[in-house]
């Protein structure tokens, strides 16, 4: 389907929306993503509050914890 969203510049644009299964820290759940070209950006995806709420607590002082948990 398609969804109207505001981009990082505050401009409204229509993006395709997909649902997929996501696995984080061994927990699998359904999530929705809107698609845009992020090939020139540092992070390939952005996770929003709707995906994280009620599932995870975010520690903003840490980085790449999912990679550490695989060891």
C-alpha atoms as a PDB file:
ATOM      1  CA  UNK A   1       0.000   0.000   0.000  1.00  0.00           C
ATOM      2  CA  UNK A   2       1.004   3.654   0.007  1.00  0.00           C
ATOM      3  CA  UNK A   3       1.223   6.169   2.833  1.00  0.00           C
ATOM      4  CA  UNK A   4       1.706   9.929   2.994  1.00  0.00           C
ATOM      5  CA  UNK A   5       4.639  10.809   5.305  1.00  0.00           C
ATOM      6  CA  UNK A   6       6.752  13.844   6.081  1.00  0.00           C
ATOM      7  CA  UNK A   7      10.402  13.489   5.122  1.00  0.00           C
ATOM      8  CA  UNK A   8      13.306  14.840   7.180  1.00  0.00           C
ATOM      9  CA  UNK A   9      12.869  18.248   5.539  1.00  0.00           C
ATOM     10  CA  UNK A  10       9.213  18.441   6.631  1.00  0.00           C
ATOM     11  CA  UNK A  11       7.850  17.954   3.111  1.00  0.00           C
ATOM     12  CA  UNK A  12       4.943  15.544   2.597  1.00  0.00           C
ATOM     13  CA  UNK A  13       5.565  12.698   0.170  1.00  0.00           C
ATOM     14  CA  UNK A  14       3.863   9.422  -0.739  1.00  0.00           C
ATOM     15  CA  UNK A  15       5.879   6.266  -0.028  1.00  0.00           C
ATOM     16  CA  UNK A  16       5.202   2.574  -0.432  1.00  0.00           C
ATOM     17  CA  UNK A  17       4.520   0.753   2.831  1.00  0.00           C
ATOM     18  CA  UNK A  18       5.473  -2.900   3.413  1.00  0.00           C
ATOM     19  CA  UNK A  19       4.893  -5.346   6.263  1.00  0.00           C
ATOM     20  CA  UNK A  20       7.615  -7.827   7.144  1.00  0.00           C
ATOM     21  CA  UNK A  21       8.904  -9.969   9.990  1.00  0.00           C
ATOM     22  CA  UNK A  22      11.734  -8.475  12.035  1.00  0.00           C
ATOM     23  CA  UNK A  23      14.051 -10.280  14.463  1.00  0.00           C
ATOM     24  CA  UNK A  24      15.829  -8.209  17.113  1.00  0.00           C
ATOM     25  CA  UNK A  25      17.648  -9.773  20.057  1.00  0.00           C
ATOM     26  CA  UNK A  26      15.982 -13.109  19.259  1.00  0.00           C
ATOM     27  CA  UNK A  27      12.454 -11.637  19.335  1.00  0.00           C
ATOM     28  CA  UNK A  28      10.429 -11.968  16.112  1.00  0.00           C
ATOM     29  CA  UNK A  29       7.498  -9.678  15.316  1.00  0.00           C
ATOM     30  CA  UNK A  30       5.631  -8.037  12.435  1.00  0.00           C
ATOM     31  CA  UNK A  31       6.600  -4.482  11.521  1.00  0.00           C
ATOM     32  CA  UNK A  32       5.647  -1.935   8.875  1.00  0.00           C
ATOM     33  CA  UNK A  33       8.191   0.170   6.995  1.00  0.00           C
ATOM     34  CA  UNK A  34       7.839   2.937   4.444  1.00  0.00           C
ATOM     35  CA  UNK A  35      10.364   2.697   1.628  1.00  0.00           C
ATOM     36  CA  UNK A  36      12.763   5.388   0.490  1.00  0.00           C
ATOM     37  CA  UNK A  37      16.251   5.461  -1.026  1.00  0.00           C
ATOM     38  CA  UNK A  38      18.750   5.486   1.865  1.00  0.00           C
ATOM     39  CA  UNK A  39      21.753   4.295  -0.182  1.00  0.00           C
ATOM     40  CA  UNK A  40      23.700   7.492   0.508  1.00  0.00           C
ATOM     41  CA  UNK A  41      22.837   7.613   4.201  1.00  0.00           C
ATOM     42  CA  UNK A  42      24.677   6.217   7.212  1.00  0.00           C
ATOM     43  CA  UNK A  43      21.855   3.934   8.421  1.00  0.00           C
ATOM     44  CA  UNK A  44      19.990   1.665   5.974  1.00  0.00           C
ATOM     45  CA  UNK A  45      16.779   1.772   8.061  1.00  0.00           C
ATOM     46  CA  UNK A  46      15.280   3.858  10.827  1.00  0.00           C
ATOM     47  CA  UNK A  47      13.295   2.256  13.629  1.00  0.00           C
ATOM     48  CA  UNK A  48      10.426   4.319  14.968  1.00  0.00           C
ATOM     49  CA  UNK A  49       8.641   4.462  18.292  1.00  0.00           C
ATOM     50  CA  UNK A  50       5.796   2.235  17.060  1.00  0.00           C
ATOM     51  CA  UNK A  51       8.205  -0.652  16.482  1.00  0.00           C
ATOM     52  CA  UNK A  52      10.024  -0.234  19.814  1.00  0.00           C
ATOM     53  CA  UNK A  53       7.214   0.672  22.235  1.00  0.00           C
ATOM     54  CA  UNK A  54       6.358  -2.120  24.664  1.00  0.00           C
ATOM     55  CA  UNK A  55       9.155  -4.330  23.316  1.00  0.00           C
ATOM     56  CA  UNK A  56      12.471  -2.636  24.075  1.00  0.00           C
ATOM     57  CA  UNK A  57      14.069   0.014  26.252  1.00  0.00           C
ATOM     58  CA  UNK A  58      16.497   2.298  24.420  1.00  0.00           C
ATOM     59  CA  UNK A  59      19.786   3.260  26.091  1.00  0.00           C
ATOM     60  CA  UNK A  60      21.004   6.245  24.084  1.00  0.00           C
ATOM     61  CA  UNK A  61      24.521   5.950  25.551  1.00  0.00           C
ATOM     62  CA  UNK A  62      25.073   2.559  23.900  1.00  0.00           C
ATOM     63  CA  UNK A  63      25.611   1.578  20.245  1.00  0.00           C
ATOM     64  CA  UNK A  64      25.330  -1.643  18.208  1.00  0.00           C
ATOM     65  CA  UNK A  65      24.091  -3.778  21.093  1.00  0.00           C
ATOM     66  CA  UNK A  66      22.558  -6.314  18.723  1.00  0.00           C
ATOM     67  CA  UNK A  67      26.021  -7.123  17.339  1.00  0.00           C
ATOM     68  CA  UNK A  68      27.382  -7.571  20.876  1.00  0.00           C
ATOM     69  CA  UNK A  69      24.589 -10.006  21.764  1.00  0.00           C
ATOM     70  CA  UNK A  70      25.622 -12.360  18.932  1.00  0.00           C
ATOM     71  CA  UNK A  71      29.000 -13.097  20.587  1.00  0.00           C
END
